């Protein structure tokens, strides 16, 4: 299956600016992107990046200066085939998780993997009239959009698909569960787990 991976290449991961400088955010975001692409390929699918600027990865890259939702919707409108969409900051993604998302679309017009906090981290779209909107509470909005076009929906409950990395606290999950380049990048940059008062945080070695 063709899987689109939307990627903000110009100013990635700005909410991590408290722990990473600009160059580090770019490097870390690209490490997560490579992890996502590898998981999709290892699951037997064909990922391609839809990016706001050029990015050097081992997958086709289409630069599109439109907002990412518009760029994805243009591609949905241009195909009659099932189309997968997976966000680029799923540092815990594995081929098995990709398989679960794709398999869930076998008996539905839309398979959707919610993210924490109301977002949407993965979709497989087979209904010709469904369109995405990744702003706001997009999981709820996507359910409403599916209902509006008469699309059957399967929700995929997956820790690895739900864990996108936006805030410094999210780095804990990458260090705990990550197995790819993003986790290795954090460790090489000096990040480590820091248990404090029964909660696990992060610390960066000098």
N, C-alpha and C. Protein backbone atom coordinates (compact mmCIF):
# COMPACT_ATOMS: atom_id res chain seq x y z
N UNK A 1 0.84 -1.20 0.00
CA UNK A 1 0.00 0.00 0.00
C UNK A 1 0.88 1.25 0.00
N UNK A 2 0.42 2.26 -0.70
CA UNK A 2 1.08 3.56 -0.67
C UNK A 2 0.73 4.25 0.64
N UNK A 3 1.75 4.72 1.35
CA UNK A 3 1.55 5.38 2.64
C UNK A 3 2.20 6.75 2.60
N UNK A 4 1.41 7.79 2.79
CA UNK A 4 1.93 9.15 2.86
C UNK A 4 2.40 9.47 4.27
N UNK A 5 3.54 10.14 4.34
CA UNK A 5 4.08 10.58 5.64
C UNK A 5 4.26 12.10 5.57
N UNK A 6 3.29 12.87 6.05
CA UNK A 6 3.43 14.33 6.04
C UNK A 6 4.54 14.76 7.00
N UNK A 7 5.35 15.74 6.57
CA UNK A 7 6.51 16.15 7.38
C UNK A 7 6.71 17.65 7.30
N UNK A 8 6.69 18.28 8.47
CA UNK A 8 7.00 19.70 8.58
C UNK A 8 8.53 19.84 8.62
N UNK A 9 9.11 20.22 7.50
CA UNK A 9 10.56 20.25 7.37
C UNK A 9 11.17 21.61 7.66
N UNK A 10 10.37 22.66 7.65
CA UNK A 10 10.94 24.00 7.78
C UNK A 10 11.19 24.39 9.23
N UNK A 11 10.24 24.10 10.12
CA UNK A 11 10.40 24.43 11.55
C UNK A 11 9.87 23.25 12.37
N UNK A 12 10.57 22.13 12.35
CA UNK A 12 10.02 20.94 13.01
C UNK A 12 10.12 21.01 14.53
N UNK A 13 9.12 20.43 15.18
CA UNK A 13 9.16 20.15 16.62
C UNK A 13 9.49 21.38 17.46
N UNK A 14 8.80 22.48 17.21
CA UNK A 14 9.10 23.72 17.94
C UNK A 14 8.80 23.61 19.43
N UNK A 15 7.89 22.71 19.82
CA UNK A 15 7.58 22.58 21.25
C UNK A 15 8.67 21.86 22.03
N UNK A 16 9.69 21.40 21.32
CA UNK A 16 10.86 20.83 22.01
C UNK A 16 11.98 21.84 22.18
N UNK A 17 11.68 23.13 21.91
CA UNK A 17 12.78 24.10 21.95
C UNK A 17 13.30 24.36 23.35
N UNK A 18 12.61 23.85 24.38
CA UNK A 18 13.15 23.98 25.72
C UNK A 18 14.29 23.03 26.02
N UNK A 19 14.39 21.96 25.21
CA UNK A 19 15.43 20.95 25.47
C UNK A 19 16.34 20.72 24.27
N UNK A 20 15.94 21.18 23.09
CA UNK A 20 16.74 21.01 21.89
C UNK A 20 16.87 22.34 21.15
N UNK A 21 18.05 22.64 20.64
CA UNK A 21 18.18 23.85 19.84
C UNK A 21 17.68 23.57 18.41
N UNK A 22 17.73 24.57 17.55
CA UNK A 22 17.14 24.45 16.22
C UNK A 22 17.74 23.30 15.42
N UNK A 23 19.07 23.23 15.38
CA UNK A 23 19.71 22.16 14.61
C UNK A 23 19.40 20.79 15.20
N UNK A 24 19.32 20.71 16.51
CA UNK A 24 19.00 19.43 17.16
C UNK A 24 17.56 19.01 16.86
N UNK A 25 16.64 19.96 16.84
CA UNK A 25 15.26 19.62 16.52
C UNK A 25 15.15 19.07 15.10
N UNK A 26 15.88 19.67 14.18
CA UNK A 26 15.87 19.18 12.80
C UNK A 26 16.42 17.75 12.74
N UNK A 27 17.55 17.53 13.40
CA UNK A 27 18.18 16.19 13.38
C UNK A 27 17.28 15.15 14.03
N UNK A 28 16.67 15.49 15.15
CA UNK A 28 15.81 14.53 15.85
C UNK A 28 14.54 14.25 15.05
N UNK A 29 13.93 15.30 14.48
CA UNK A 29 12.73 15.10 13.67
C UNK A 29 13.01 14.21 12.48
N UNK A 30 14.17 14.39 11.86
CA UNK A 30 14.51 13.56 10.72
C UNK A 30 14.82 12.12 11.14
N UNK A 31 15.36 11.93 12.33
CA UNK A 31 15.58 10.58 12.83
C UNK A 31 14.24 9.87 13.04
N UNK A 32 13.26 10.58 13.60
CA UNK A 32 11.93 9.97 13.76
C UNK A 32 11.31 9.66 12.41
N UNK A 33 11.46 10.57 11.45
CA UNK A 33 10.94 10.34 10.11
C UNK A 33 11.54 9.07 9.51
N UNK A 34 12.83 8.90 9.65
CA UNK A 34 13.47 7.69 9.10
C UNK A 34 12.95 6.43 9.80
N UNK A 35 12.69 6.51 11.10
CA UNK A 35 12.12 5.36 11.81
C UNK A 35 10.74 5.01 11.25
N UNK A 36 9.92 6.02 10.98
CA UNK A 36 8.58 5.78 10.44
C UNK A 36 8.68 5.16 9.04
N UNK A 37 9.54 5.70 8.21
CA UNK A 37 9.69 5.17 6.86
C UNK A 37 10.17 3.72 6.90
N UNK A 38 11.10 3.44 7.79
CA UNK A 38 11.61 2.06 7.88
C UNK A 38 10.52 1.09 8.32
N UNK A 39 9.72 1.50 9.30
CA UNK A 39 8.63 0.62 9.77
C UNK A 39 7.64 0.34 8.65
N UNK A 40 7.32 1.36 7.86
CA UNK A 40 6.38 1.16 6.74
C UNK A 40 6.97 0.24 5.68
N UNK A 41 8.24 0.46 5.35
CA UNK A 41 8.88 -0.41 4.34
C UNK A 41 8.99 -1.84 4.84
N UNK A 42 9.39 -2.01 6.10
CA UNK A 42 9.56 -3.36 6.63
C UNK A 42 8.23 -4.11 6.74
N UNK A 43 7.14 -3.35 6.77
CA UNK A 43 5.80 -3.98 6.76
C UNK A 43 5.34 -4.30 5.34
N UNK A 44 6.17 -3.97 4.37
CA UNK A 44 5.86 -4.31 2.99
C UNK A 44 5.12 -3.26 2.20
N UNK A 45 5.17 -2.01 2.68
CA UNK A 45 4.42 -0.94 2.02
C UNK A 45 5.37 0.06 1.37
N UNK A 46 4.79 1.03 0.67
CA UNK A 46 5.56 2.00 -0.10
C UNK A 46 5.35 3.40 0.47
N UNK A 47 6.20 3.82 1.41
CA UNK A 47 6.03 5.15 1.99
C UNK A 47 6.59 6.23 1.08
N UNK A 48 5.95 7.38 1.13
CA UNK A 48 6.48 8.56 0.46
C UNK A 48 6.23 9.76 1.35
N UNK A 49 7.14 10.69 1.33
CA UNK A 49 7.09 11.86 2.20
C UNK A 49 6.46 13.03 1.47
N UNK A 50 5.53 13.70 2.14
CA UNK A 50 4.99 14.96 1.66
C UNK A 50 5.50 16.02 2.62
N UNK A 51 6.45 16.83 2.16
CA UNK A 51 7.18 17.72 3.05
C UNK A 51 7.05 19.17 2.63
N UNK A 52 7.23 20.06 3.60
CA UNK A 52 7.17 21.49 3.33
C UNK A 52 8.47 22.02 2.73
N UNK A 53 9.53 21.20 2.74
CA UNK A 53 10.81 21.55 2.14
C UNK A 53 11.56 20.25 1.85
N UNK A 54 12.64 20.35 1.10
CA UNK A 54 13.42 19.17 0.77
C UNK A 54 13.97 18.50 2.03
N UNK A 55 13.97 17.19 2.02
CA UNK A 55 14.55 16.42 3.11
C UNK A 55 15.22 15.20 2.50
N UNK A 56 16.40 14.85 3.02
CA UNK A 56 17.20 13.77 2.45
C UNK A 56 16.91 12.46 3.17
N UNK A 57 16.03 11.66 2.60
CA UNK A 57 15.69 10.35 3.16
C UNK A 57 15.62 9.35 2.02
N UNK A 58 15.64 8.07 2.38
CA UNK A 58 15.61 7.01 1.38
C UNK A 58 14.16 6.64 1.04
N UNK A 59 13.42 7.63 0.54
CA UNK A 59 12.04 7.43 0.11
C UNK A 59 11.71 8.59 -0.82
N UNK A 60 10.72 8.43 -1.69
CA UNK A 60 10.31 9.56 -2.52
C UNK A 60 9.84 10.73 -1.66
N UNK A 61 10.22 11.94 -2.05
CA UNK A 61 9.83 13.15 -1.32
C UNK A 61 9.15 14.10 -2.29
N UNK A 62 7.93 14.52 -1.97
CA UNK A 62 7.23 15.55 -2.73
C UNK A 62 7.19 16.81 -1.88
N UNK A 63 7.79 17.88 -2.37
CA UNK A 63 7.75 19.15 -1.65
C UNK A 63 6.46 19.86 -2.03
N UNK A 64 5.69 20.26 -1.02
CA UNK A 64 4.40 20.89 -1.23
C UNK A 64 4.28 22.02 -0.23
N UNK A 65 4.15 23.26 -0.73
CA UNK A 65 4.14 24.40 0.19
C UNK A 65 2.76 24.70 0.76
N UNK A 66 1.77 23.88 0.42
CA UNK A 66 0.45 24.04 1.03
C UNK A 66 0.47 23.50 2.46
N UNK A 67 -0.49 23.91 3.29
CA UNK A 67 -0.64 23.25 4.59
C UNK A 67 -0.74 21.74 4.39
N UNK A 68 -0.21 20.98 5.33
CA UNK A 68 -0.08 19.54 5.13
C UNK A 68 -1.43 18.86 4.92
N UNK A 69 -2.48 19.30 5.59
CA UNK A 69 -3.80 18.70 5.36
C UNK A 69 -4.23 18.88 3.91
N UNK A 70 -4.02 20.08 3.36
CA UNK A 70 -4.38 20.33 1.97
C UNK A 70 -3.54 19.47 1.03
N UNK A 71 -2.27 19.34 1.33
CA UNK A 71 -1.39 18.53 0.48
C UNK A 71 -1.82 17.07 0.48
N UNK A 72 -2.19 16.56 1.63
CA UNK A 72 -2.66 15.17 1.72
C UNK A 72 -3.99 15.02 1.00
N UNK A 73 -4.89 15.95 1.18
CA UNK A 73 -6.21 15.85 0.55
C UNK A 73 -6.12 15.88 -0.97
N UNK A 74 -5.17 16.63 -1.50
CA UNK A 74 -4.98 16.65 -2.95
C UNK A 74 -4.62 15.26 -3.46
N UNK A 75 -3.85 14.53 -2.68
CA UNK A 75 -3.46 13.18 -3.08
C UNK A 75 -4.60 12.18 -2.87
N UNK A 76 -5.40 12.38 -1.83
CA UNK A 76 -6.58 11.55 -1.67
C UNK A 76 -7.54 11.72 -2.85
N UNK A 77 -7.71 12.95 -3.29
CA UNK A 77 -8.63 13.22 -4.39
C UNK A 77 -8.13 12.66 -5.71
N UNK A 78 -6.83 12.44 -5.81
CA UNK A 78 -6.23 12.03 -7.08
C UNK A 78 -6.11 10.52 -7.24
N UNK A 79 -6.58 9.74 -6.27
CA UNK A 79 -6.44 8.28 -6.37
C UNK A 79 -7.75 7.58 -6.04
N UNK A 80 -7.94 6.44 -6.67
CA UNK A 80 -9.07 5.57 -6.33
C UNK A 80 -8.63 4.40 -5.47
N UNK A 81 -7.34 4.30 -5.20
CA UNK A 81 -6.80 3.19 -4.43
C UNK A 81 -6.79 3.51 -2.94
N UNK A 82 -6.81 2.50 -2.08
CA UNK A 82 -6.62 2.76 -0.64
C UNK A 82 -5.32 3.52 -0.40
N UNK A 83 -5.36 4.43 0.55
CA UNK A 83 -4.19 5.26 0.83
C UNK A 83 -3.97 5.33 2.33
N UNK A 84 -2.76 5.03 2.77
CA UNK A 84 -2.40 5.15 4.16
C UNK A 84 -1.78 6.50 4.45
N UNK A 85 -1.95 6.98 5.66
CA UNK A 85 -1.35 8.24 6.10
C UNK A 85 -0.84 8.00 7.52
N UNK A 86 0.45 8.24 7.73
CA UNK A 86 1.05 8.05 9.05
C UNK A 86 1.89 9.29 9.35
N UNK A 87 1.72 9.86 10.53
CA UNK A 87 2.47 11.06 10.86
C UNK A 87 3.94 10.72 11.10
N UNK A 88 4.79 11.75 11.00
CA UNK A 88 6.23 11.52 10.93
C UNK A 88 6.93 11.45 12.28
N UNK A 89 6.20 11.67 13.38
CA UNK A 89 6.86 11.73 14.68
C UNK A 89 6.49 10.55 15.57
N UNK A 90 6.25 9.39 14.95
CA UNK A 90 5.94 8.18 15.71
C UNK A 90 7.24 7.39 15.93
N UNK A 91 8.01 7.82 16.91
CA UNK A 91 9.32 7.24 17.14
C UNK A 91 9.27 5.80 17.65
N UNK A 92 8.09 5.34 18.06
CA UNK A 92 7.94 3.97 18.55
C UNK A 92 7.35 3.04 17.50
N UNK A 93 7.10 3.53 16.30
CA UNK A 93 6.39 2.74 15.30
C UNK A 93 7.18 1.49 14.91
N UNK A 94 6.47 0.39 14.76
CA UNK A 94 7.05 -0.88 14.33
C UNK A 94 6.28 -1.41 13.12
N UNK A 95 6.86 -2.33 12.36
CA UNK A 95 6.10 -2.94 11.27
C UNK A 95 4.81 -3.60 11.74
N UNK A 96 4.82 -4.21 12.92
CA UNK A 96 3.61 -4.86 13.42
C UNK A 96 2.49 -3.84 13.64
N UNK A 97 2.84 -2.64 14.12
CA UNK A 97 1.83 -1.60 14.33
C UNK A 97 1.28 -1.12 12.99
N UNK A 98 2.15 -0.99 12.00
CA UNK A 98 1.68 -0.61 10.66
C UNK A 98 0.73 -1.69 10.13
N UNK A 99 1.10 -2.96 10.31
CA UNK A 99 0.24 -4.06 9.87
C UNK A 99 -1.14 -3.97 10.51
N UNK A 100 -1.20 -3.65 11.81
CA UNK A 100 -2.49 -3.55 12.49
C UNK A 100 -3.35 -2.46 11.87
N UNK A 101 -2.75 -1.32 11.56
CA UNK A 101 -3.49 -0.22 10.97
C UNK A 101 -4.04 -0.61 9.60
N UNK A 102 -3.20 -1.20 8.77
CA UNK A 102 -3.63 -1.58 7.42
C UNK A 102 -4.68 -2.68 7.47
N UNK A 103 -4.48 -3.66 8.34
CA UNK A 103 -5.44 -4.76 8.43
C UNK A 103 -6.81 -4.28 8.89
N UNK A 104 -6.84 -3.24 9.72
CA UNK A 104 -8.11 -2.74 10.23
C UNK A 104 -8.99 -2.14 9.14
N UNK A 105 -8.37 -1.78 8.01
CA UNK A 105 -9.14 -1.21 6.91
C UNK A 105 -9.75 -2.26 5.99
N UNK A 106 -9.50 -3.53 6.27
CA UNK A 106 -10.00 -4.58 5.39
C UNK A 106 -11.52 -4.61 5.35
N UNK A 107 -12.15 -4.28 6.47
CA UNK A 107 -13.61 -4.35 6.55
C UNK A 107 -14.24 -3.00 6.88
N UNK A 108 -13.54 -1.92 6.55
CA UNK A 108 -14.06 -0.59 6.85
C UNK A 108 -13.61 0.38 5.77
N UNK A 109 -14.33 1.50 5.66
CA UNK A 109 -13.94 2.55 4.72
C UNK A 109 -12.80 3.40 5.26
N UNK A 110 -12.64 3.36 6.58
CA UNK A 110 -11.61 4.18 7.21
C UNK A 110 -11.10 3.48 8.46
N UNK A 111 -9.81 3.26 8.53
CA UNK A 111 -9.16 2.84 9.77
C UNK A 111 -8.43 4.05 10.32
N UNK A 112 -8.58 4.27 11.62
CA UNK A 112 -8.00 5.48 12.21
C UNK A 112 -7.34 5.14 13.54
N UNK A 113 -6.13 5.64 13.73
CA UNK A 113 -5.39 5.46 14.98
C UNK A 113 -5.31 6.80 15.68
N UNK A 114 -5.99 6.96 16.81
CA UNK A 114 -5.95 8.24 17.51
C UNK A 114 -4.61 8.45 18.19
N UNK A 115 -4.24 9.72 18.32
CA UNK A 115 -3.10 10.09 19.13
C UNK A 115 -3.56 10.57 20.49
N UNK A 116 -2.63 10.71 21.40
CA UNK A 116 -2.97 11.24 22.71
C UNK A 116 -3.38 12.70 22.58
N UNK A 117 -4.36 13.10 23.39
CA UNK A 117 -4.77 14.50 23.37
C UNK A 117 -5.72 14.87 22.26
N UNK A 118 -6.28 13.87 21.57
CA UNK A 118 -7.29 14.18 20.58
C UNK A 118 -6.82 14.26 19.15
N UNK A 119 -5.55 14.00 18.91
CA UNK A 119 -5.03 14.05 17.55
C UNK A 119 -5.27 12.76 16.79
N UNK A 120 -4.78 12.74 15.56
CA UNK A 120 -4.86 11.57 14.69
C UNK A 120 -3.46 11.25 14.20
N UNK A 121 -3.03 9.99 14.41
CA UNK A 121 -1.66 9.64 14.04
C UNK A 121 -1.56 8.70 12.85
N UNK A 122 -2.65 8.04 12.51
CA UNK A 122 -2.61 7.14 11.36
C UNK A 122 -3.99 6.92 10.80
N UNK A 123 -4.06 6.79 9.48
CA UNK A 123 -5.32 6.49 8.81
C UNK A 123 -5.04 5.59 7.61
N UNK A 124 -6.01 4.76 7.29
CA UNK A 124 -6.07 4.13 5.98
C UNK A 124 -7.44 4.47 5.41
N UNK A 125 -7.43 5.13 4.27
CA UNK A 125 -8.66 5.66 3.68
C UNK A 125 -8.99 4.87 2.42
N UNK A 126 -10.20 4.31 2.38
CA UNK A 126 -10.68 3.65 1.17
C UNK A 126 -11.93 4.33 0.61
N UNK A 127 -12.56 5.20 1.38
CA UNK A 127 -13.77 5.90 0.92
C UNK A 127 -13.37 7.06 0.02
N UNK A 128 -13.97 7.20 -1.16
CA UNK A 128 -13.52 8.22 -2.12
C UNK A 128 -13.78 9.66 -1.70
N UNK A 129 -14.70 9.87 -0.76
CA UNK A 129 -15.07 11.24 -0.40
C UNK A 129 -14.49 11.72 0.92
N UNK A 130 -13.77 10.87 1.62
CA UNK A 130 -13.23 11.27 2.92
C UNK A 130 -12.01 12.17 2.73
N UNK A 131 -11.93 13.20 3.55
CA UNK A 131 -10.78 14.11 3.53
C UNK A 131 -10.30 14.35 4.97
N UNK A 132 -9.03 14.69 5.11
CA UNK A 132 -8.43 14.85 6.43
C UNK A 132 -8.40 16.32 6.83
N UNK A 133 -8.29 16.53 8.13
CA UNK A 133 -8.02 17.86 8.70
C UNK A 133 -7.31 17.61 10.02
N UNK A 134 -6.00 17.86 10.04
CA UNK A 134 -5.19 17.51 11.19
C UNK A 134 -5.14 18.61 12.25
N UNK A 135 -5.94 19.63 12.13
CA UNK A 135 -5.93 20.69 13.13
C UNK A 135 -6.90 20.38 14.27
N UNK A 136 -6.64 20.99 15.42
CA UNK A 136 -7.57 20.88 16.55
C UNK A 136 -7.73 19.46 17.05
N UNK A 137 -8.94 19.12 17.44
CA UNK A 137 -9.24 17.77 17.95
C UNK A 137 -9.55 16.89 16.74
N UNK A 138 -8.50 16.53 16.03
CA UNK A 138 -8.69 15.94 14.71
C UNK A 138 -9.30 14.54 14.77
N UNK A 139 -9.07 13.78 15.83
CA UNK A 139 -9.67 12.46 15.91
C UNK A 139 -11.20 12.59 15.90
N UNK A 140 -11.73 13.44 16.76
CA UNK A 140 -13.18 13.67 16.79
C UNK A 140 -13.67 14.21 15.45
N UNK A 141 -12.92 15.15 14.89
CA UNK A 141 -13.33 15.75 13.62
C UNK A 141 -13.32 14.72 12.49
N UNK A 142 -12.34 13.81 12.51
CA UNK A 142 -12.30 12.78 11.47
C UNK A 142 -13.46 11.80 11.60
N UNK A 143 -13.86 11.49 12.83
CA UNK A 143 -15.05 10.65 13.00
C UNK A 143 -16.29 11.35 12.45
N UNK A 144 -16.40 12.65 12.71
CA UNK A 144 -17.54 13.40 12.18
C UNK A 144 -17.50 13.46 10.66
N UNK A 145 -16.30 13.64 10.10
CA UNK A 145 -16.17 13.70 8.64
C UNK A 145 -16.53 12.36 8.00
N UNK A 146 -16.15 11.27 8.66
CA UNK A 146 -16.50 9.95 8.15
C UNK A 146 -18.01 9.75 8.16
N UNK A 147 -18.64 10.16 9.24
CA UNK A 147 -20.09 10.02 9.33
C UNK A 147 -20.79 10.84 8.24
N UNK A 148 -20.23 12.02 7.97
CA UNK A 148 -20.85 12.92 6.99
C UNK A 148 -20.85 12.33 5.59
N UNK A 149 -19.83 11.52 5.26
CA UNK A 149 -19.77 10.93 3.92
C UNK A 149 -20.24 9.48 3.90
N UNK A 150 -20.73 8.99 5.06
CA UNK A 150 -21.23 7.62 5.13
C UNK A 150 -20.16 6.56 5.14
N UNK A 151 -19.00 6.88 5.72
CA UNK A 151 -17.89 5.93 5.77
C UNK A 151 -17.91 5.12 7.06
N UNK A 152 -17.78 3.80 6.94
CA UNK A 152 -17.62 2.95 8.11
C UNK A 152 -16.22 3.13 8.68
N UNK A 153 -16.12 3.10 10.02
CA UNK A 153 -14.85 3.40 10.69
C UNK A 153 -14.46 2.27 11.63
N UNK A 154 -13.17 1.92 11.61
CA UNK A 154 -12.57 1.07 12.63
C UNK A 154 -11.50 1.87 13.34
N UNK A 155 -11.57 1.91 14.67
CA UNK A 155 -10.57 2.62 15.47
C UNK A 155 -9.51 1.64 15.93
N UNK A 156 -8.25 2.00 15.74
CA UNK A 156 -7.12 1.15 16.09
C UNK A 156 -6.50 1.66 17.38
N UNK A 157 -6.59 0.86 18.43
CA UNK A 157 -6.06 1.22 19.74
C UNK A 157 -4.66 0.63 19.86
N UNK A 158 -3.63 1.48 19.73
CA UNK A 158 -2.25 1.01 19.72
C UNK A 158 -1.35 2.01 20.41
N UNK A 159 -0.60 1.56 21.41
CA UNK A 159 0.32 2.45 22.09
C UNK A 159 1.36 3.02 21.13
N UNK A 160 1.87 2.19 20.24
CA UNK A 160 2.93 2.65 19.34
C UNK A 160 2.42 3.63 18.29
N UNK A 161 1.16 3.49 17.91
CA UNK A 161 0.58 4.46 16.98
C UNK A 161 0.08 5.71 17.69
N UNK A 162 -0.26 5.61 18.95
CA UNK A 162 -0.82 6.77 19.65
C UNK A 162 0.26 7.70 20.21
N UNK A 163 1.50 7.22 20.30
CA UNK A 163 2.55 8.00 20.96
C UNK A 163 3.33 8.82 19.95
N UNK A 164 2.83 10.03 19.69
CA UNK A 164 3.59 10.98 18.89
C UNK A 164 4.44 11.84 19.83
N UNK A 165 5.49 12.41 19.30
CA UNK A 165 6.46 13.11 20.12
C UNK A 165 6.39 14.60 19.82
N UNK A 166 5.83 15.35 20.77
CA UNK A 166 5.68 16.80 20.62
C UNK A 166 6.31 17.58 21.76
N UNK A 167 6.19 17.06 22.98
CA UNK A 167 6.61 17.78 24.18
C UNK A 167 7.83 17.10 24.80
N UNK A 168 8.62 17.84 25.61
CA UNK A 168 9.76 17.20 26.27
C UNK A 168 9.38 15.95 27.05
N UNK A 169 8.22 15.92 27.69
CA UNK A 169 7.82 14.74 28.46
C UNK A 169 7.67 13.51 27.58
N UNK A 170 7.39 13.72 26.28
CA UNK A 170 7.23 12.59 25.37
C UNK A 170 8.54 11.85 25.12
N UNK A 171 9.65 12.51 25.38
CA UNK A 171 10.95 11.87 25.16
C UNK A 171 11.15 10.68 26.09
N UNK A 172 10.46 10.68 27.23
CA UNK A 172 10.51 9.53 28.14
C UNK A 172 10.10 8.26 27.42
N UNK A 173 9.00 8.34 26.66
CA UNK A 173 8.50 7.16 25.95
C UNK A 173 9.50 6.67 24.91
N UNK A 174 10.17 7.60 24.26
CA UNK A 174 11.16 7.20 23.25
C UNK A 174 12.32 6.47 23.91
N UNK A 175 12.80 6.99 25.05
CA UNK A 175 13.90 6.33 25.74
C UNK A 175 13.48 4.98 26.32
N UNK A 176 12.23 4.88 26.77
CA UNK A 176 11.76 3.62 27.35
C UNK A 176 11.48 2.55 26.30
N UNK A 177 10.83 2.94 25.20
CA UNK A 177 10.28 1.96 24.27
C UNK A 177 10.87 2.02 22.86
N UNK A 178 11.60 3.08 22.55
CA UNK A 178 12.11 3.24 21.20
C UNK A 178 13.21 2.25 20.88
N UNK A 179 13.22 1.80 19.61
CA UNK A 179 14.21 0.82 19.17
C UNK A 179 14.98 1.27 17.93
N UNK A 180 14.73 2.49 17.50
CA UNK A 180 15.31 2.93 16.23
C UNK A 180 16.25 4.10 16.37
N UNK A 181 16.35 4.88 15.28
CA UNK A 181 17.31 5.98 15.22
C UNK A 181 16.98 7.10 16.20
N UNK A 182 15.70 7.37 16.41
CA UNK A 182 15.34 8.47 17.30
C UNK A 182 15.80 8.20 18.72
N UNK A 183 15.58 6.99 19.21
CA UNK A 183 16.04 6.64 20.56
C UNK A 183 17.56 6.68 20.64
N UNK A 184 18.22 6.17 19.60
CA UNK A 184 19.69 6.19 19.58
C UNK A 184 20.21 7.63 19.55
N UNK A 185 19.51 8.51 18.81
CA UNK A 185 19.94 9.91 18.74
C UNK A 185 19.84 10.56 20.12
N UNK A 186 18.74 10.34 20.82
CA UNK A 186 18.58 10.93 22.15
C UNK A 186 19.69 10.47 23.10
N UNK A 187 19.98 9.18 23.08
CA UNK A 187 21.02 8.66 23.98
C UNK A 187 22.39 9.24 23.62
N UNK A 188 22.69 9.34 22.34
CA UNK A 188 23.96 9.91 21.91
C UNK A 188 24.06 11.39 22.28
N UNK A 189 22.91 12.08 22.35
CA UNK A 189 22.89 13.49 22.73
C UNK A 189 22.94 13.69 24.23
N UNK A 190 22.98 12.60 24.99
CA UNK A 190 23.14 12.70 26.43
C UNK A 190 21.87 12.60 27.24
N UNK A 191 20.75 12.28 26.63
CA UNK A 191 19.50 12.17 27.37
C UNK A 191 19.40 10.82 28.07
N UNK A 192 18.86 10.85 29.27
CA UNK A 192 18.67 9.62 30.04
C UNK A 192 17.42 9.77 30.90
N UNK A 193 16.90 8.64 31.35
CA UNK A 193 15.73 8.65 32.22
C UNK A 193 16.10 9.16 33.60
N UNK A 194 15.17 9.87 34.23
CA UNK A 194 15.43 10.49 35.53
C UNK A 194 14.20 10.28 36.42
N UNK A 195 14.16 9.20 37.19
CA UNK A 195 13.02 8.96 38.08
C UNK A 195 13.01 9.99 39.23
N UNK A 196 11.91 10.71 39.35
CA UNK A 196 11.78 11.73 40.39
C UNK A 196 10.39 11.62 41.02
N UNK A 197 10.37 11.38 42.34
CA UNK A 197 9.11 11.36 43.08
C UNK A 197 8.08 10.42 42.47
N UNK A 198 8.54 9.25 42.06
CA UNK A 198 7.63 8.26 41.52
C UNK A 198 7.26 8.46 40.07
N UNK A 199 7.71 9.56 39.46
CA UNK A 199 7.47 9.82 38.05
C UNK A 199 8.80 9.74 37.32
N UNK A 200 8.74 9.36 36.05
CA UNK A 200 9.97 9.29 35.25
C UNK A 200 10.05 10.50 34.34
N UNK A 201 11.15 11.23 34.49
CA UNK A 201 11.41 12.36 33.60
C UNK A 201 12.65 12.11 32.79
N UNK A 202 13.21 13.18 32.24
CA UNK A 202 14.45 13.07 31.47
C UNK A 202 15.50 14.01 32.04
N UNK A 203 16.71 13.63 31.84
CA UNK A 203 17.85 14.44 32.24
C UNK A 203 18.85 14.41 31.08
N UNK A 204 19.60 15.49 30.93
CA UNK A 204 20.63 15.52 29.89
C UNK A 204 21.99 15.73 30.51
N UNK A 205 22.87 14.77 30.25
CA UNK A 205 24.23 14.87 30.80
C UNK A 205 24.95 16.02 30.15
N UNK A 206 25.77 16.68 30.93
CA UNK A 206 26.61 17.78 30.40
C UNK A 206 27.72 17.23 29.53
